[in-house]
Amino acid sequence: MSKTQKIVPIFSGGGTRLPAHIGILQALHDLDISFDTIVGISGGSIVSALYANNMPLKQILQLATVTNFGQFKEFSFWRLLTKGGFSSGKKFEVWIDKQLGSKTFEELDAALHIIATDLNGGGPVIFNKHTSPKLKVSKAVRYSMSIPLIFSSSVYKDHLLVDGAILSEDALFNDWQGDGTPNVCFRLCSNQKPPPLNTNRRFILPQYIQMLIRTFMNALAREYVHANFWHNTIVVDTGATSPVDFAMSPGQKEALYDIGYNTVKEYLPIKLAKIKREN
């Protein structure tokens, strides 16, 4: 494949399955795909921001592998009632800000776009060098990865922000680079098998809410791809891995990396050939 092939990669969703996005990035490099612009949503915003800050892929993978995602969870019913989520997200924001060197969007070399969802208006809120140059990138990532009920919503100007993955498909397919460079959206899909239901067990509210969150996030991951965007979308099947699994082992994370890598190596050349023929 020619090194002149350029795309705008969109890393959509994923939750805690972000190692798959790292594998996708590695596959893009191995396929000699170039890009000047990168778009991140939810778990994809974490990897996109680290990459846009020039962190080597091996280091990003190492960071994702050794990091205990569970450290970012809290369990406050009061916060759930008053802020819409058990966790404040502050621990995560401090952590990602440290990895990013506290940089703002205008301090990045790369053209990074991070998307969150506005509960107040139901549409996307886009953070980049033009819309929010002075905003810390870590703050935008915190907004984008706010899984409902797990993390509290955040107020930014007139927006009430939650996970960027709660968007219709067409919200992702802007002309991000402004020159017609084709978008390719990488969406993680899971098909988690539920554990056997013990009908003799009493349902406790925390367990019920956890089941509700898992079902909601899995439903988002299985959302169909609109026909208008199918040729520009690659669905990465992460199997039974949940987007809200905060206790993944290093082996599970490595498996997700391999799934992302192998899927893109196999299917992206086919997709790009179709896009070239259509254009």
Protein backbone atom coordinates (compact mmCIF):
# COMPACT_ATOMS: atom_id res chain seq x y z
CA MET A 1 0.00 0.00 0.00
CA SER A 2 1.31 3.44 -0.88
CA LYS A 3 2.65 5.62 1.90
CA THR A 4 0.70 8.49 0.38
CA GLN A 5 -2.56 6.93 1.59
CA LYS A 6 -4.03 9.31 4.16
CA ILE A 7 -7.08 9.04 6.38
CA VAL A 8 -8.59 10.71 9.41
CA PRO A 9 -8.89 7.94 12.03
CA ILE A 10 -11.85 8.16 14.40
CA PHE A 11 -11.45 6.10 17.57
CA SER A 12 -14.98 5.63 18.81
CA GLY A 13 -16.03 4.33 22.20
CA GLY A 14 -14.54 1.35 23.93
CA GLY A 15 -14.76 2.21 27.60
CA THR A 16 -12.03 0.27 29.39
CA ARG A 17 -11.24 -1.74 26.23
CA LEU A 18 -8.83 0.98 25.09
CA PRO A 19 -5.91 -1.44 24.43
CA ALA A 20 -7.79 -2.40 21.23
CA HIS A 21 -7.37 1.19 20.02
CA ILE A 22 -3.63 0.95 20.64
CA GLY A 23 -3.50 -2.15 18.45
CA ILE A 24 -5.43 -0.27 15.76
CA LEU A 25 -2.87 2.55 15.82
CA GLN A 26 -0.01 0.09 15.51
CA ALA A 27 -1.70 -1.54 12.52
CA LEU A 28 -2.09 1.87 10.84
CA HIS A 29 1.64 2.41 11.17
CA ASP A 30 2.48 -1.06 9.87
CA LEU A 31 0.18 -0.50 6.88
CA ASP A 32 1.95 2.81 6.14
CA ILE A 33 -1.23 4.81 6.64
CA SER A 34 -0.53 8.45 7.40
CA PHE A 35 -2.75 10.95 9.18
CA ASP A 36 -2.43 14.52 10.39
CA THR A 37 -5.72 14.63 12.27
CA ILE A 38 -7.03 12.27 14.94
CA VAL A 39 -10.49 12.08 16.53
CA GLY A 40 -11.18 10.44 19.89
CA ILE A 41 -14.42 9.54 21.65
CA SER A 42 -14.83 7.96 25.10
CA GLY A 43 -12.11 5.34 25.65
CA GLY A 44 -10.75 6.27 22.24
CA SER A 45 -10.13 9.81 23.47
CA ILE A 46 -7.62 8.52 26.03
CA VAL A 47 -5.46 6.77 23.45
CA SER A 48 -5.88 9.59 20.91
CA ALA A 49 -4.74 12.21 23.42
CA LEU A 50 -1.68 10.23 24.48
CA TYR A 51 -0.73 9.64 20.85
CA ALA A 52 -1.30 13.30 19.92
CA ASN A 53 1.09 14.19 22.74
CA ASN A 54 3.82 12.18 20.98
CA MET A 55 3.89 9.29 23.44
CA PRO A 56 5.34 6.23 21.62
CA LEU A 57 2.88 3.42 21.00
CA LYS A 58 4.95 0.93 22.99
CA GLN A 59 4.80 3.27 25.95
CA ILE A 60 1.05 3.78 25.58
CA LEU A 61 0.56 0.00 25.53
CA GLN A 62 2.76 -0.43 28.58
CA LEU A 63 0.84 2.28 30.40
CA ALA A 64 -2.53 0.72 29.56
CA THR A 65 -1.29 -2.75 30.54
CA VAL A 66 0.06 -1.84 33.97
CA THR A 67 -2.61 0.70 34.94
CA ASN A 68 -5.34 -0.54 37.23
CA PHE A 69 -8.49 1.05 35.80
CA GLY A 70 -10.31 0.22 39.03
CA GLN A 71 -8.41 2.96 40.87
CA PHE A 72 -10.57 5.55 39.10
CA LYS A 73 -13.84 4.18 40.46
CA GLU A 74 -15.54 5.51 43.55
CA PHE A 75 -18.84 4.59 45.14
CA SER A 76 -20.83 7.53 46.47
CA PHE A 77 -24.62 7.29 46.46
CA TRP A 78 -24.79 10.97 47.35
CA ARG A 79 -22.79 11.85 44.24
CA LEU A 80 -25.01 9.59 42.17
CA LEU A 81 -28.09 11.45 43.39
CA THR A 82 -26.62 14.94 43.05
CA LYS A 83 -24.17 14.62 40.14
CA GLY A 84 -25.43 11.60 38.18
CA GLY A 85 -22.53 9.25 38.82
CA PHE A 86 -20.84 7.24 41.57
CA SER A 87 -17.38 8.62 40.76
CA SER A 88 -16.25 12.23 40.42
CA GLY A 89 -13.68 11.41 37.73
CA LYS A 90 -11.09 13.58 39.49
CA LYS A 91 -8.69 10.69 40.09
CA PHE A 92 -8.75 9.86 36.41
CA GLU A 93 -8.35 13.49 35.36
CA VAL A 94 -5.29 13.94 37.59
CA TRP A 95 -3.80 10.74 36.20
CA ILE A 96 -4.32 11.57 32.51
CA ASP A 97 -3.18 15.17 33.05
CA LYS A 98 0.11 13.86 34.41
CA GLN A 99 0.57 11.62 31.36
CA LEU A 100 -0.14 14.58 29.06
CA GLY A 101 2.17 16.98 30.86
CA SER A 102 -0.80 19.31 31.62
CA LYS A 103 -0.86 20.45 27.99
CA THR A 104 -3.64 22.49 26.45
CA PHE A 105 -4.95 21.93 22.95
CA GLU A 106 -2.94 24.81 21.52
CA GLU A 107 0.26 23.27 22.88
CA LEU A 108 -0.19 20.02 20.93
CA ASP A 109 1.60 19.52 17.62
CA ALA A 110 -1.14 17.23 16.29
CA ALA A 111 -4.66 18.23 15.26
CA LEU A 112 -6.66 16.45 17.96
CA HIS A 113 -10.46 16.50 18.19
CA ILE A 114 -12.20 15.11 21.27
CA ILE A 115 -15.97 14.67 21.35
CA ALA A 116 -18.33 14.60 24.32
CA THR A 117 -22.13 14.51 24.43
CA ASP A 118 -24.26 17.36 25.74
CA LEU A 119 -27.17 16.03 27.78
CA ASN A 120 -28.71 19.48 27.78
CA GLY A 121 -29.01 19.62 23.99
CA GLY A 122 -28.35 16.04 22.95
CA GLY A 123 -25.65 16.90 20.44
CA PRO A 124 -21.87 16.68 20.22
CA VAL A 125 -19.47 19.12 21.84
CA ILE A 126 -16.13 19.22 20.05
CA PHE A 127 -12.87 20.20 21.71
CA ASN A 128 -9.82 21.16 19.62
CA LYS A 129 -7.35 23.97 18.96
CA HIS A 130 -10.04 26.16 17.43
CA THR A 131 -12.96 25.67 19.82
CA SER A 132 -11.01 25.40 23.09
CA PRO A 133 -7.31 26.32 22.63
CA LYS A 134 -6.69 27.13 26.31
CA LEU A 135 -8.49 24.07 27.69
CA LYS A 136 -6.37 21.30 29.15
CA VAL A 137 -6.61 18.18 27.00
CA SER A 138 -7.09 16.13 30.17
CA LYS A 139 -10.28 18.03 30.90
CA ALA A 140 -11.74 17.23 27.48
CA VAL A 141 -10.79 13.55 27.86
CA ARG A 142 -12.49 13.52 31.25
CA TYR A 143 -15.64 14.90 29.63
CA SER A 144 -15.58 12.39 26.77
CA MET A 145 -15.07 9.25 28.87
CA SER A 146 -17.79 9.96 31.45
CA ILE A 147 -19.68 6.67 31.31
CA PRO A 148 -23.18 7.47 32.61
CA LEU A 149 -23.85 6.51 36.24
CA ILE A 150 -20.24 5.40 36.76
CA PHE A 151 -18.82 8.93 36.38
CA SER A 152 -20.66 12.13 37.19
CA SER A 153 -21.61 14.49 34.40
CA SER A 154 -19.57 17.69 33.99
CA VAL A 155 -20.61 21.27 33.30
CA TYR A 156 -18.74 23.15 30.57
CA LYS A 157 -20.18 26.56 29.66
CA ASP A 158 -23.84 25.81 28.86
CA HIS A 159 -23.26 22.08 28.34
CA LEU A 160 -23.87 19.12 30.64
CA LEU A 161 -21.34 16.63 29.35
CA VAL A 162 -21.22 12.84 29.40
CA ASP A 163 -19.65 10.04 27.38
CA GLY A 164 -19.03 10.98 23.75
CA ALA A 165 -20.11 7.52 22.58
CA ILE A 166 -23.76 8.48 23.15
CA LEU A 167 -24.05 10.02 19.70
CA SER A 168 -25.69 9.22 16.41
CA GLU A 169 -23.32 7.96 13.75
CA ASP A 170 -23.51 11.07 11.58
CA ALA A 171 -22.07 13.21 14.40
CA LEU A 172 -18.70 11.52 13.88
CA PHE A 173 -18.32 12.01 10.15
CA ASN A 174 -17.35 15.66 9.73
CA ASP A 175 -14.80 16.81 7.20
CA TRP A 176 -12.35 16.88 10.07
CA GLN A 177 -9.33 17.95 8.08
CA GLY A 178 -11.18 20.37 5.83
CA ASP A 179 -9.76 18.96 2.61
CA GLY A 180 -11.90 15.89 1.96
CA THR A 181 -9.45 13.39 3.47
CA PRO A 182 -11.55 10.25 4.06
CA ASN A 183 -12.62 9.36 7.56
CA VAL A 184 -12.30 5.82 8.86
CA CYS A 185 -14.18 5.15 12.07
CA PHE A 186 -12.94 2.30 14.27
CA ARG A 187 -15.79 1.09 16.48
CA LEU A 188 -15.40 -1.50 19.20
CA CYS A 189 -18.21 -4.02 19.46
CA SER A 190 -18.76 -6.56 22.23
CA ASN A 191 -21.15 -9.43 22.71
CA GLN A 192 -20.90 -10.12 26.39
CA LYS A 193 -22.46 -13.28 27.74
CA PRO A 194 -24.38 -12.61 30.96
CA PRO A 195 -23.60 -14.77 34.01
CA PRO A 196 -26.27 -17.26 35.11
CA LEU A 197 -29.09 -15.52 36.96
CA ASN A 198 -29.71 -16.67 40.51
CA THR A 199 -33.46 -16.14 40.92
CA ASN A 200 -33.26 -16.90 44.65
CA ARG A 201 -30.89 -14.01 45.27
CA ARG A 202 -32.23 -10.68 46.40
CA PHE A 203 -31.38 -7.76 44.13
CA ILE A 204 -29.30 -5.14 45.92
CA LEU A 205 -29.35 -1.62 44.48
CA PRO A 206 -25.59 -1.36 43.70
CA GLN A 207 -25.66 -4.67 41.85
CA TYR A 208 -28.78 -3.62 39.98
CA ILE A 209 -27.18 -0.35 38.89
CA GLN A 210 -24.01 -2.15 37.76
CA MET A 211 -26.13 -4.49 35.63
CA LEU A 212 -27.97 -1.49 34.20
CA ILE A 213 -24.71 0.27 33.29
CA ARG A 214 -23.27 -2.86 31.67
CA THR A 215 -26.42 -3.43 29.63
CA PHE A 216 -26.52 0.19 28.48
CA MET A 217 -22.86 0.25 27.40
CA ASN A 218 -23.14 -3.09 25.63
CA ALA A 219 -26.20 -1.79 23.77
CA LEU A 220 -24.18 1.21 22.58
CA ALA A 221 -21.40 -1.08 21.41
CA ARG A 222 -23.85 -3.17 19.36
CA GLU A 223 -25.60 -0.20 17.76
CA TYR A 224 -25.94 -0.74 14.03
CA VAL A 225 -23.81 1.15 11.52
CA HIS A 226 -25.84 3.31 9.13
CA ALA A 227 -25.51 2.27 5.48
CA ASN A 228 -24.21 5.73 4.55
CA PHE A 229 -21.15 5.22 6.75
CA TRP A 230 -20.52 1.49 6.39
CA HIS A 231 -17.70 1.83 3.85
CA ASN A 232 -15.92 4.21 6.24
CA THR A 233 -16.36 2.07 9.36
CA ILE A 234 -14.42 -0.89 10.70
CA VAL A 235 -16.11 -2.79 13.53
CA VAL A 236 -13.66 -4.44 15.90
CA ASP A 237 -15.25 -7.41 17.67
CA THR A 238 -13.87 -7.51 21.21
CA GLY A 239 -15.88 -10.62 22.07
CA ALA A 240 -17.21 -10.98 25.59
CA THR A 241 -15.07 -8.20 27.05
CA SER A 242 -17.23 -5.57 28.70
CA PRO A 243 -16.66 -1.84 28.09
CA VAL A 244 -17.04 -1.35 31.84
CA ASP A 245 -14.62 -4.05 33.01
CA PHE A 246 -12.37 -2.17 35.44
CA ALA A 247 -10.58 -5.33 36.59
CA MET A 248 -8.99 -6.61 33.38
CA SER A 249 -5.87 -8.70 33.67
CA PRO A 250 -2.74 -7.83 31.67
CA GLY A 251 -3.47 -10.88 29.53
CA GLN A 252 -6.95 -9.61 28.66
CA LYS A 253 -5.53 -6.23 27.73
CA GLU A 254 -2.91 -7.81 25.48
CA ALA A 255 -5.64 -9.88 23.81
CA LEU A 256 -7.60 -6.70 23.08
CA TYR A 257 -4.50 -5.14 21.54
CA ASP A 258 -4.10 -8.17 19.26
CA ILE A 259 -7.78 -8.05 18.25
CA GLY A 260 -7.52 -4.39 17.27
CA TYR A 261 -4.28 -4.95 15.38
CA ASN A 262 -5.35 -8.06 13.47
CA THR A 263 -8.78 -6.69 12.51
CA VAL A 264 -7.34 -3.53 10.98
CA LYS A 265 -4.53 -5.37 9.19
CA GLU A 266 -7.12 -7.65 7.56
CA TYR A 267 -9.97 -5.28 6.73
CA LEU A 268 -8.59 -1.76 6.32
CA PRO A 269 -6.94 -2.39 2.92
CA ILE A 270 -10.30 -3.69 1.64
CA LYS A 271 -12.16 -0.67 2.98
CA LEU A 272 -9.65 1.79 1.54
CA ALA A 273 -9.83 0.14 -1.88
CA LYS A 274 -13.63 0.61 -1.88
CA ILE A 275 -13.32 4.22 -0.76
CA LYS A 276 -10.82 4.91 -3.56
CA ARG A 277 -13.11 3.35 -6.18
CA GLU A 278 -16.08 5.39 -4.98
CA ASN A 279 -14.11 8.62 -5.11
